C-alpha atoms as a PDB file:
ATOM      1  CA  UNK A   1       0.000   0.000   0.000  1.00  0.00           C
ATOM      2  CA  UNK A   2       1.325   3.431  -0.971  1.00  0.00           C
ATOM      3  CA  UNK A   3       0.617   6.825   0.559  1.00  0.00           C
ATOM      4  CA  UNK A   4       0.148   9.352  -2.244  1.00  0.00           C
ATOM      5  CA  UNK A   5       0.313  13.142  -1.881  1.00  0.00           C
ATOM      6  CA  UNK A   6      -0.901  15.811  -4.297  1.00  0.00           C
ATOM      7  CA  UNK A   7       0.679  19.103  -3.226  1.00  0.00           C
ATOM      8  CA  UNK A   8      -1.330  22.032  -4.543  1.00  0.00           C
ATOM      9  CA  UNK A   9      -1.353  25.760  -4.031  1.00  0.00           C
ATOM     10  CA  UNK A  10      -4.533  25.595  -1.951  1.00  0.00           C
ATOM     11  CA  UNK A  11      -4.592  22.097  -0.443  1.00  0.00           C
ATOM     12  CA  UNK A  12      -2.331  19.105   0.111  1.00  0.00           C
ATOM     13  CA  UNK A  13      -4.431  16.072  -0.774  1.00  0.00           C
ATOM     14  CA  UNK A  14      -3.475  12.565   0.251  1.00  0.00           C
ATOM     15  CA  UNK A  15      -4.792   9.001   0.042  1.00  0.00           C
ATOM     16  CA  UNK A  16      -3.835   5.364   0.296  1.00  0.00           C
ATOM     17  CA  UNK A  17      -3.538   3.639  -3.092  1.00  0.00           C
ATOM     18  CA  UNK A  18      -3.250  -0.131  -3.567  1.00  0.00           C
ATOM     19  CA  UNK A  19      -1.674  -2.187  -6.372  1.00  0.00           C
ATOM     20  CA  UNK A  20      -4.896  -2.000  -8.423  1.00  0.00           C
ATOM     21  CA  UNK A  21      -4.968   1.830  -8.115  1.00  0.00           C
ATOM     22  CA  UNK A  22      -7.931   1.787  -5.743  1.00  0.00           C
ATOM     23  CA  UNK A  23      -8.018   4.923  -3.594  1.00  0.00           C
ATOM     24  CA  UNK A  24      -9.010   4.924   0.074  1.00  0.00           C
ATOM     25  CA  UNK A  25      -8.710   7.115   3.174  1.00  0.00           C
ATOM     26  CA  UNK A  26      -8.480  10.236   1.044  1.00  0.00           C
ATOM     27  CA  UNK A  27      -8.439  13.630   2.730  1.00  0.00           C
ATOM     28  CA  UNK A  28      -6.734  17.001   2.519  1.00  0.00           C
ATOM     29  CA  UNK A  29      -5.195  19.748   4.610  1.00  0.00           C
ATOM     30  CA  UNK A  30      -4.720  23.428   3.712  1.00  0.00           C
ATOM     31  CA  UNK A  31      -1.355  24.112   2.102  1.00  0.00           C
ATOM     32  CA  UNK A  32       0.734  25.817   4.822  1.00  0.00           C
ATOM     33  CA  UNK A  33       2.230  29.275   4.448  1.00  0.00           C
ATOM     34  CA  UNK A  34       5.766  28.375   5.563  1.00  0.00           C
ATOM     35  CA  UNK A  35       8.240  25.588   4.884  1.00  0.00           C
ATOM     36  CA  UNK A  36       8.335  24.690   8.586  1.00  0.00           C
ATOM     37  CA  UNK A  37       4.582  24.115   8.665  1.00  0.00           C
ATOM     38  CA  UNK A  38       4.797  22.296   5.335  1.00  0.00           C
ATOM     39  CA  UNK A  39       7.154  19.687   6.797  1.00  0.00           C
ATOM     40  CA  UNK A  40       4.981  19.357   9.893  1.00  0.00           C
ATOM     41  CA  UNK A  41       1.872  18.775   7.761  1.00  0.00           C
ATOM     42  CA  UNK A  42       3.510  16.054   5.640  1.00  0.00           C
ATOM     43  CA  UNK A  43       5.146  14.325   8.591  1.00  0.00           C
ATOM     44  CA  UNK A  44       1.917  14.324  10.596  1.00  0.00           C
ATOM     45  CA  UNK A  45       0.001  12.611   7.800  1.00  0.00           C
ATOM     46  CA  UNK A  46       2.767  10.079   7.174  1.00  0.00           C
ATOM     47  CA  UNK A  47       2.992   9.209  10.870  1.00  0.00           C
ATOM     48  CA  UNK A  48      -0.723   8.376  10.933  1.00  0.00           C
ATOM     49  CA  UNK A  49      -0.272   5.805   8.118  1.00  0.00           C
ATOM     50  CA  UNK A  50       3.286   4.686   8.834  1.00  0.00           C
ATOM     51  CA  UNK A  51       2.382   1.135   9.914  1.00  0.00           C
ATOM     52  CA  UNK A  52       0.476   0.362   6.669  1.00  0.00           C
ATOM     53  CA  UNK A  53       2.563   1.799   3.870  1.00  0.00           C
ATOM     54  CA  UNK A  54       5.502   0.500   1.845  1.00  0.00           C
ATOM     55  CA  UNK A  55       6.253   3.749   0.026  1.00  0.00           C
ATOM     56  CA  UNK A  56       5.357   7.404  -0.554  1.00  0.00           C
ATOM     57  CA  UNK A  57       4.435   8.833  -3.963  1.00  0.00           C
ATOM     58  CA  UNK A  58       4.277  12.622  -4.329  1.00  0.00           C
ATOM     59  CA  UNK A  59       2.860  14.922  -6.996  1.00  0.00           C
ATOM     60  CA  UNK A  60       4.270  18.434  -6.634  1.00  0.00           C
ATOM     61  CA  UNK A  61       4.102  21.629  -8.713  1.00  0.00           C
ATOM     62  CA  UNK A  62       7.129  23.288 -10.240  1.00  0.00           C
ATOM     63  CA  UNK A  63      10.558  22.317 -11.524  1.00  0.00           C
ATOM     64  CA  UNK A  64      11.514  18.887 -10.225  1.00  0.00           C
ATOM     65  CA  UNK A  65      14.298  16.386 -10.752  1.00  0.00           C
ATOM     66  CA  UNK A  66      12.099  13.304 -10.695  1.00  0.00           C
ATOM     67  CA  UNK A  67      15.111  10.974 -10.600  1.00  0.00           C
ATOM     68  CA  UNK A  68      16.288  12.469  -7.298  1.00  0.00           C
ATOM     69  CA  UNK A  69      12.943  13.705  -5.992  1.00  0.00           C
ATOM     70  CA  UNK A  70      14.450  17.184  -5.645  1.00  0.00           C
ATOM     71  CA  UNK A  71      12.268  20.302  -5.949  1.00  0.00           C
ATOM     72  CA  UNK A  72      14.101  23.225  -7.548  1.00  0.00           C
ATOM     73  CA  UNK A  73      11.075  25.556  -7.628  1.00  0.00           C
ATOM     74  CA  UNK A  74       7.596  24.789  -6.332  1.00  0.00           C
ATOM     75  CA  UNK A  75       5.546  26.693  -8.889  1.00  0.00           C
ATOM     76  CA  UNK A  76       3.007  28.867  -7.078  1.00  0.00           C
ATOM     77  CA  UNK A  77       4.317  27.749  -3.652  1.00  0.00           C
ATOM     78  CA  UNK A  78       7.227  30.166  -3.143  1.00  0.00           C
ATOM     79  CA  UNK A  79       8.916  28.448  -0.180  1.00  0.00           C
ATOM     80  CA  UNK A  80       9.402  25.198  -2.121  1.00  0.00           C
ATOM     81  CA  UNK A  81      12.812  26.075  -3.505  1.00  0.00           C
ATOM     82  CA  UNK A  82      15.827  23.745  -3.515  1.00  0.00           C
ATOM     83  CA  UNK A  83      14.043  21.177  -1.353  1.00  0.00           C
ATOM     84  CA  UNK A  84      15.362  17.574  -1.088  1.00  0.00           C
ATOM     85  CA  UNK A  85      11.819  16.326  -0.670  1.00  0.00           C
ATOM     86  CA  UNK A  86      12.344  12.624  -1.372  1.00  0.00           C
ATOM     87  CA  UNK A  87      15.612  12.170   0.505  1.00  0.00           C
ATOM     88  CA  UNK A  88      14.398  13.921   3.656  1.00  0.00           C
ATOM     89  CA  UNK A  89      11.242  11.819   3.914  1.00  0.00           C
ATOM     90  CA  UNK A  90      13.142   8.659   2.995  1.00  0.00           C
ATOM     91  CA  UNK A  91      15.637   9.199   5.817  1.00  0.00           C
ATOM     92  CA  UNK A  92      12.910  10.009   8.305  1.00  0.00           C
ATOM     93  CA  UNK A  93      10.483   7.167   7.534  1.00  0.00           C
ATOM     94  CA  UNK A  94      12.740   4.543   5.908  1.00  0.00           C
ATOM     95  CA  UNK A  95      10.504   3.866   2.894  1.00  0.00           C
ATOM     96  CA  UNK A  96      11.050   4.633  -0.807  1.00  0.00           C
ATOM     97  CA  UNK A  97       9.844   8.113  -1.835  1.00  0.00           C
ATOM     98  CA  UNK A  98       9.310   9.446  -5.360  1.00  0.00           C
ATOM     99  CA  UNK A  99       8.369  12.947  -6.543  1.00  0.00           C
ATOM    100  CA  UNK A 100       6.923  13.956  -9.912  1.00  0.00           C
ATOM    101  CA  UNK A 101       5.698  17.262 -11.314  1.00  0.00           C
ATOM    102  CA  UNK A 102       1.922  17.523 -10.876  1.00  0.00           C
ATOM    103  CA  UNK A 103       1.164  18.093 -14.548  1.00  0.00           C
ATOM    104  CA  UNK A 104       3.321  15.110 -15.473  1.00  0.00           C
ATOM    105  CA  UNK A 105       1.581  13.045 -12.809  1.00  0.00           C
ATOM    106  CA  UNK A 106      -1.863  13.776 -14.236  1.00  0.00           C
ATOM    107  CA  UNK A 107      -0.656  13.027 -17.753  1.00  0.00           C
ATOM    108  CA  UNK A 108       1.018   9.794 -16.699  1.00  0.00           C
ATOM    109  CA  UNK A 109      -2.188   8.609 -15.021  1.00  0.00           C
ATOM    110  CA  UNK A 110      -4.094   9.309 -18.222  1.00  0.00           C
ATOM    111  CA  UNK A 111      -1.474   7.563 -20.357  1.00  0.00           C
ATOM    112  CA  UNK A 112      -1.180   4.474 -18.137  1.00  0.00           C
ATOM    113  CA  UNK A 113      -4.675   3.859 -16.806  1.00  0.00           C
ATOM    114  CA  UNK A 114      -6.848   6.665 -18.186  1.00  0.00           C
ATOM    115  CA  UNK A 115      -8.188   8.149 -21.401  1.00  0.00           C
ATOM    116  CA  UNK A 116      -4.863   8.544 -23.242  1.00  0.00           C
ATOM    117  CA  UNK A 117      -3.889   4.883 -23.321  1.00  0.00           C
ATOM    118  CA  UNK A 118      -2.582   3.757 -26.746  1.00  0.00           C
ATOM    119  CA  UNK A 119      -2.486   7.383 -27.923  1.00  0.00           C
ATOM    120  CA  UNK A 120       0.549   8.313 -30.040  1.00  0.00           C
ATOM    121  CA  UNK A 121       0.536  11.955 -28.916  1.00  0.00           C
ATOM    122  CA  UNK A 122      -1.833  13.176 -26.214  1.00  0.00           C
ATOM    123  CA  UNK A 123      -1.929  16.091 -23.799  1.00  0.00           C
ATOM    124  CA  UNK A 124      -3.368  16.569 -20.337  1.00  0.00           C
ATOM    125  CA  UNK A 125      -4.135  20.053 -19.010  1.00  0.00           C
ATOM    126  CA  UNK A 126      -4.628  20.233 -15.242  1.00  0.00           C
ATOM    127  CA  UNK A 127      -6.776  23.161 -14.131  1.00  0.00           C
ATOM    128  CA  UNK A 128      -6.181  24.091 -10.513  1.00  0.00           C
ATOM    129  CA  UNK A 129      -4.382  26.979  -8.827  1.00  0.00           C
ATOM    130  CA  UNK A 130      -2.401  27.195 -12.060  1.00  0.00           C
ATOM    131  CA  UNK A 131      -2.390  25.231 -15.313  1.00  0.00           C
ATOM    132  CA  UNK A 132      -0.324  22.062 -15.535  1.00  0.00           C
ATOM    133  CA  UNK A 133       0.517  20.322 -18.808  1.00  0.00           C
ATOM    134  CA  UNK A 134       1.874  16.922 -19.761  1.00  0.00           C
ATOM    135  CA  UNK A 135       2.513  15.385 -23.169  1.00  0.00           C
ATOM    136  CA  UNK A 136       2.345  11.609 -23.398  1.00  0.00           C
ATOM    137  CA  UNK A 137       2.828   8.871 -25.972  1.00  0.00           C
ATOM    138  CA  UNK A 138       1.814   5.215 -25.703  1.00  0.00           C
ATOM    139  CA  UNK A 139       1.817   5.090 -21.907  1.00  0.00           C
ATOM    140  CA  UNK A 140       4.885   7.259 -21.262  1.00  0.00           C
ATOM    141  CA  UNK A 141       5.694  10.913 -20.756  1.00  0.00           C
ATOM    142  CA  UNK A 142       7.199  12.767 -23.708  1.00  0.00           C
ATOM    143  CA  UNK A 143      10.435  14.339 -22.480  1.00  0.00           C
ATOM    144  CA  UNK A 144      12.235  17.368 -23.842  1.00  0.00           C
ATOM    145  CA  UNK A 145      14.788  14.963 -25.312  1.00  0.00           C
ATOM    146  CA  UNK A 146      12.316  13.249 -27.649  1.00  0.00           C
ATOM    147  CA  UNK A 147       9.872  16.126 -28.160  1.00  0.00           C
ATOM    148  CA  UNK A 148      11.320  16.749 -31.620  1.00  0.00           C
ATOM    149  CA  UNK A 149       9.738  13.463 -32.773  1.00  0.00           C
ATOM    150  CA  UNK A 150       6.273  14.960 -32.199  1.00  0.00           C
ATOM    151  CA  UNK A 151       6.748  18.501 -33.487  1.00  0.00           C
ATOM    152  CA  UNK A 152       4.548  19.721 -36.320  1.00  0.00           C
ATOM    153  CA  UNK A 153       7.105  20.352 -39.065  1.00  0.00           C
ATOM    154  CA  UNK A 154       5.962  22.079 -42.302  1.00  0.00           C
ATOM    155  CA  UNK A 155       4.496  19.619 -44.811  1.00  0.00           C
ATOM    156  CA  UNK A 156       5.512  20.481 -48.405  1.00  0.00           C
ATOM    157  CA  UNK A 157       2.447  18.623 -49.708  1.00  0.00           C
ATOM    158  CA  UNK A 158       0.059  20.981 -47.914  1.00  0.00           C
ATOM    159  CA  UNK A 159      -0.850  24.430 -49.299  1.00  0.00           C
ATOM    160  CA  UNK A 160       1.356  27.185 -47.807  1.00  0.00           C
ATOM    161  CA  UNK A 161       0.007  29.147 -44.873  1.00  0.00           C
ATOM    162  CA  UNK A 162      -1.613  32.384 -45.977  1.00  0.00           C
ATOM    163  CA  UNK A 163      -0.605  35.769 -44.504  1.00  0.00           C
ATOM    164  CA  UNK A 164      -4.004  35.900 -42.742  1.00  0.00           C
ATOM    165  CA  UNK A 165      -3.413  32.510 -41.139  1.00  0.00           C
ATOM    166  CA  UNK A 166       0.080  33.481 -40.036  1.00  0.00           C
ATOM    167  CA  UNK A 167      -1.227  36.703 -38.496  1.00  0.00           C
ATOM    168  CA  UNK A 168      -3.979  34.837 -36.647  1.00  0.00           C
ATOM    169  CA  UNK A 169      -1.485  32.310 -35.286  1.00  0.00           C
ATOM    170  CA  UNK A 170       0.858  35.076 -34.114  1.00  0.00           C
ATOM    171  CA  UNK A 171      -1.974  36.845 -32.290  1.00  0.00           C
ATOM    172  CA  UNK A 172      -3.246  33.660 -30.651  1.00  0.00           C
ATOM    173  CA  UNK A 173       0.280  32.619 -29.641  1.00  0.00           C
ATOM    174  CA  UNK A 174       0.943  36.053 -28.145  1.00  0.00           C
ATOM    175  CA  UNK A 175      -2.340  35.898 -26.245  1.00  0.00           C
ATOM    176  CA  UNK A 176      -1.539  32.389 -25.015  1.00  0.00           C
ATOM    177  CA  UNK A 177       1.833  33.464 -23.616  1.00  0.00           C
ATOM    178  CA  UNK A 178       0.190  36.410 -21.873  1.00  0.00           C
ATOM    179  CA  UNK A 179      -2.489  34.067 -20.505  1.00  0.00           C
ATOM    180  CA  UNK A 180       0.137  31.784 -18.978  1.00  0.00           C
ATOM    181  CA  UNK A 181       2.038  34.695 -17.445  1.00  0.00           C
ATOM    182  CA  UNK A 182      -1.153  36.121 -15.922  1.00  0.00           C
ATOM    183  CA  UNK A 183      -2.406  32.647 -14.908  1.00  0.00           C
ATOM    184  CA  UNK A 184      -5.744  33.254 -16.641  1.00  0.00           C
ATOM    185  CA  UNK A 185      -6.344  29.507 -16.911  1.00  0.00           C
ATOM    186  CA  UNK A 186      -6.513  29.093 -13.135  1.00  0.00           C
ATOM    187  CA  UNK A 187      -9.698  27.285 -12.124  1.00  0.00           C
ATOM    188  CA  UNK A 188      -9.268  28.583  -8.585  1.00  0.00           C
ATOM    189  CA  UNK A 189      -9.178  32.181  -9.824  1.00  0.00           C
ATOM    190  CA  UNK A 190     -12.219  31.613 -12.046  1.00  0.00           C
ATOM    191  CA  UNK A 191     -14.264  30.230  -9.150  1.00  0.00           C
ATOM    192  CA  UNK A 192     -13.136  33.156  -6.978  1.00  0.00           C
ATOM    193  CA  UNK A 193     -14.170  35.726  -9.602  1.00  0.00           C
ATOM    194  CA  UNK A 194     -17.476  33.964 -10.254  1.00  0.00           C
ATOM    195  CA  UNK A 195     -18.256  33.712  -6.534  1.00  0.00           C
ATOM    196  CA  UNK A 196     -17.553  37.414  -6.130  1.00  0.00           C
ATOM    197  CA  UNK A 197     -19.772  38.198  -9.116  1.00  0.00           C
ATOM    198  CA  UNK A 198     -22.600  36.193  -7.531  1.00  0.00           C
ATOM    199  CA  UNK A 199     -21.914  37.858  -4.166  1.00  0.00           C
ATOM    200  CA  UNK A 200     -21.544  34.491  -2.454  1.00  0.00           C
ATOM    201  CA  UNK A 201     -20.395  34.549   1.184  1.00  0.00           C
ATOM    202  CA  UNK A 202     -17.429  32.337   0.240  1.00  0.00           C
ATOM    203  CA  UNK A 203     -15.893  30.779  -2.867  1.00  0.00           C
ATOM    204  CA  UNK A 204     -18.163  27.936  -3.962  1.00  0.00           C
ATOM    205  CA  UNK A 205     -17.537  26.165  -7.248  1.00  0.00           C
ATOM    206  CA  UNK A 206     -20.590  23.929  -6.921  1.00  0.00           C
ATOM    207  CA  UNK A 207     -22.933  26.877  -6.539  1.00  0.00           C
ATOM    208  CA  UNK A 208     -21.210  28.702  -9.407  1.00  0.00           C
ATOM    209  CA  UNK A 209     -21.923  25.792 -11.748  1.00  0.00           C
ATOM    210  CA  UNK A 210     -25.488  25.474 -10.495  1.00  0.00           C
ATOM    211  CA  UNK A 211     -26.087  29.055 -11.623  1.00  0.00           C
ATOM    212  CA  UNK A 212     -24.275  28.389 -14.901  1.00  0.00           C
ATOM    213  CA  UNK A 213     -26.409  25.296 -15.540  1.00  0.00           C
ATOM    214  CA  UNK A 214     -29.542  27.377 -14.968  1.00  0.00           C
ATOM    215  CA  UNK A 215     -28.365  29.689 -17.751  1.00  0.00           C
ATOM    216  CA  UNK A 216     -30.024  32.880 -16.492  1.00  0.00           C
ATOM    217  CA  UNK A 217     -27.011  34.955 -15.402  1.00  0.00           C
ATOM    218  CA  UNK A 218     -25.664  36.664 -18.514  1.00  0.00           C
ATOM    219  CA  UNK A 219     -22.591  38.236 -16.896  1.00  0.00           C
ATOM    220  CA  UNK A 220     -21.554  34.918 -15.357  1.00  0.00           C
ATOM    221  CA  UNK A 221     -22.048  33.189 -18.706  1.00  0.00           C
ATOM    222  CA  UNK A 222     -19.715  35.727 -20.322  1.00  0.00           C
ATOM    223  CA  UNK A 223     -17.082  35.230 -17.611  1.00  0.00           C
ATOM    224  CA  UNK A 224     -17.308  31.453 -18.041  1.00  0.00           C
ATOM    225  CA  UNK A 225     -17.068  31.649 -21.842  1.00  0.00           C
ATOM    226  CA  UNK A 226     -14.007  33.903 -21.506  1.00  0.00           C
ATOM    227  CA  UNK A 227     -12.375  31.451 -19.096  1.00  0.00           C
ATOM    228  CA  UNK A 228     -13.025  28.467 -21.381  1.00  0.00           C
ATOM    229  CA  UNK A 229     -11.639  30.414 -24.337  1.00  0.00           C
ATOM    230  CA  UNK A 230      -8.372  30.837 -22.438  1.00  0.00           C
ATOM    231  CA  UNK A 231      -8.124  27.048 -22.129  1.00  0.00           C
ATOM    232  CA  UNK A 232      -9.119  26.585 -25.775  1.00  0.00           C
ATOM    233  CA  UNK A 233      -6.343  28.992 -26.813  1.00  0.00           C
ATOM    234  CA  UNK A 234      -3.772  26.975 -24.853  1.00  0.00           C
ATOM    235  CA  UNK A 235      -4.973  23.819 -26.614  1.00  0.00           C
ATOM    236  CA  UNK A 236      -4.951  25.479 -30.031  1.00  0.00           C
ATOM    237  CA  UNK A 237      -1.414  26.819 -29.535  1.00  0.00           C
ATOM    238  CA  UNK A 238      -0.167  23.408 -28.463  1.00  0.00           C
ATOM    239  CA  UNK A 239      -1.813  21.816 -31.499  1.00  0.00           C
ATOM    240  CA  UNK A 240       0.019  24.280 -33.724  1.00  0.00           C
ATOM    241  CA  UNK A 241       3.318  22.980 -32.329  1.00  0.00           C
ATOM    242  CA  UNK A 242       2.860  19.203 -31.989  1.00  0.00           C
ATOM    243  CA  UNK A 243       0.877  16.449 -33.708  1.00  0.00           C
ATOM    244  CA  UNK A 244      -1.784  16.138 -31.045  1.00  0.00           C
ATOM    245  CA  UNK A 245      -4.403  13.403 -31.321  1.00  0.00           C
ATOM    246  CA  UNK A 246      -6.342  13.889 -28.105  1.00  0.00           C
ATOM    247  CA  UNK A 247      -6.592  16.191 -25.079  1.00  0.00           C
ATOM    248  CA  UNK A 248      -7.831  15.472 -21.574  1.00  0.00           C
ATOM    249  CA  UNK A 249      -8.714  18.062 -18.945  1.00  0.00           C
ATOM    250  CA  UNK A 250      -7.901  17.337 -15.300  1.00  0.00           C
ATOM    251  CA  UNK A 251      -8.434  19.004 -11.950  1.00  0.00           C
ATOM    252  CA  UNK A 252     -11.532  19.040  -9.772  1.00  0.00           C
ATOM    253  CA  UNK A 253     -13.341  21.402 -12.141  1.00  0.00           C
ATOM    254  CA  UNK A 254     -13.114  18.793 -14.921  1.00  0.00           C
ATOM    255  CA  UNK A 255     -15.951  16.837 -13.288  1.00  0.00           C
ATOM    256  CA  UNK A 256     -18.333  19.562 -14.501  1.00  0.00           C
ATOM    257  CA  UNK A 257     -19.760  18.478 -17.910  1.00  0.00           C
ATOM    258  CA  UNK A 258     -20.534  22.107 -18.764  1.00  0.00           C
ATOM    259  CA  UNK A 259     -16.816  22.935 -18.623  1.00  0.00           C
ATOM    260  CA  UNK A 260     -15.909  20.353 -21.265  1.00  0.00           C
ATOM    261  CA  UNK A 261     -18.865  21.398 -23.389  1.00  0.00           C
ATOM    262  CA  UNK A 262     -17.818  25.067 -23.380  1.00  0.00           C
ATOM    263  CA  UNK A 263     -14.101  24.367 -23.911  1.00  0.00           C
ATOM    264  CA  UNK A 264     -15.002  22.275 -26.970  1.00  0.00           C
ATOM    265  CA  UNK A 265     -17.294  25.055 -28.177  1.00  0.00           C
ATOM    266  CA  UNK A 266     -14.614  27.728 -27.798  1.00  0.00           C
ATOM    267  CA  UNK A 267     -12.036  25.488 -29.461  1.00  0.00           C
ATOM    268  CA  UNK A 268     -14.302  24.967 -32.474  1.00  0.00           C
ATOM    269  CA  UNK A 269     -14.833  28.733 -32.694  1.00  0.00           C
ATOM    270  CA  UNK A 270     -11.048  29.200 -32.799  1.00  0.00           C
ATOM    271  CA  UNK A 271     -10.780  26.769 -35.685  1.00  0.00           C
ATOM    272  CA  UNK A 272     -13.494  28.686 -37.531  1.00  0.00           C
ATOM    273  CA  UNK A 273     -11.708  31.992 -36.873  1.00  0.00           C
ATOM    274  CA  UNK A 274      -8.375  30.683 -38.114  1.00  0.00           C
ATOM    275  CA  UNK A 275      -9.085  31.469 -41.793  1.00  0.00           C
ATOM    276  CA  UNK A 276      -9.188  27.851 -42.872  1.00  0.00           C
ATOM    277  CA  UNK A 277      -6.114  26.646 -40.968  1.00  0.00           C
ATOM    278  CA  UNK A 278      -5.981  22.901 -41.659  1.00  0.00           C
ATOM    279  CA  UNK A 279      -5.931  21.498 -38.122  1.00  0.00           C
ATOM    280  CA  UNK A 280      -7.854  18.302 -37.494  1.00  0.00           C
ATOM    281  CA  UNK A 281     -10.605  18.624 -34.909  1.00  0.00           C
ATOM    282  CA  UNK A 282      -9.230  17.349 -31.606  1.00  0.00           C
ATOM    283  CA  UNK A 283     -11.131  15.182 -29.172  1.00  0.00           C
ATOM    284  CA  UNK A 284     -11.215  17.051 -25.855  1.00  0.00           C
ATOM    285  CA  UNK A 285     -12.617  15.194 -22.848  1.00  0.00           C
ATOM    286  CA  UNK A 286     -12.330  15.055 -19.087  1.00  0.00           C
ATOM    287  CA  UNK A 287      -9.504  13.143 -17.463  1.00  0.00           C
ATOM    288  CA  UNK A 288     -10.818   9.771 -16.344  1.00  0.00           C
ATOM    289  CA  UNK A 289      -9.920  10.285 -12.691  1.00  0.00           C
ATOM    290  CA  UNK A 290     -10.632  14.024 -12.407  1.00  0.00           C
ATOM    291  CA  UNK A 291      -9.312  15.301  -9.091  1.00  0.00           C
ATOM    292  CA  UNK A 292      -7.451  12.094  -8.193  1.00  0.00           C
ATOM    293  CA  UNK A 293      -5.383  12.045 -11.399  1.00  0.00           C
ATOM    294  CA  UNK A 294      -2.356  13.595  -9.694  1.00  0.00           C
ATOM    295  CA  UNK A 295      -2.438  11.062  -6.856  1.00  0.00           C
ATOM    296  CA  UNK A 296      -2.726   8.123  -9.243  1.00  0.00           C
ATOM    297  CA  UNK A 297      -0.066   9.500 -11.563  1.00  0.00           C
ATOM    298  CA  UNK A 298       2.331   9.851  -8.640  1.00  0.00           C
ATOM    299  CA  UNK A 299       1.721   6.176  -7.887  1.00  0.00           C
ATOM    300  CA  UNK A 300       2.263   5.239 -11.556  1.00  0.00           C
ATOM    301  CA  UNK A 301       5.628   7.010 -11.394  1.00  0.00           C
ATOM    302  CA  UNK A 302       6.534   5.262  -8.123  1.00  0.00           C
ATOM    303  CA  UNK A 303       5.768   1.869  -9.669  1.00  0.00           C
ATOM    304  CA  UNK A 304       7.850   2.657 -12.768  1.00  0.00           C
ATOM    305  CA  UNK A 305      10.847   3.728 -10.650  1.00  0.00           C
ATOM    306  CA  UNK A 306      10.655   0.838  -8.204  1.00  0.00           C
ATOM    307  CA  UNK A 307      10.174  -1.794 -10.919  1.00  0.00           C
ATOM    308  CA  UNK A 308      13.236  -0.703 -12.913  1.00  0.00           C
END
């Protein structure tokens, strides 16, 4: 039995995961504000399961050396910088520990046991505090070393791109970069803005989507369409770079059918606006395991490392 952690900007989620990827005893704690409290939170959870586990699998945001389990930068968690996460926990609890970037974890779960199995080139976008991304191929992560094998090189047999198409692509690419810098794809930020718009006493994603499903709040509908367009632009830009076959959307918000419906709608609008750009229509669907994708992907990574 493994103890899996999903370290996020808002919560640290954890659960027990068995050999068949069944999840039990799942819970979460607020992500602490300091590194000292971060260690205390992890160690407290691990101590409560110490007698039942044979290893610890961690999904973490940011720049990570997954071979060493070392966190160089923790994404939107500023105090996670140059942290020997795996080695510290290994020394303390005497069990194997692995660490994988959260976007990679979600993608690996999709590629191994989810909706991207047997897919030559697939992508998983994880919508949470930020936007995570993983590219996968036939059950494995696509690394920077073999990315060139999946790039969309110019095809001499296709008609040349028109000036209008080139201009559209430049504008969409520029917008996409700005979107990433400003974190406009954040599901957490969208729910916060929508809750404020509805004058809710606290941020409540379920209530936000109840109002969206009712379809009577025009300003909220516009905010939601704008948010989904940001995600569609990220997908479109990625498709312009690599030979994508399929996209899955992860994060807790991906369990809302309306989200996938609107992202697909906005993506199709982009294709129509692209002046006849010859991109094939991508299949965009929810990640199979939604909010547990990161936990399961961390376990997939643990199993790969320990079995090699």
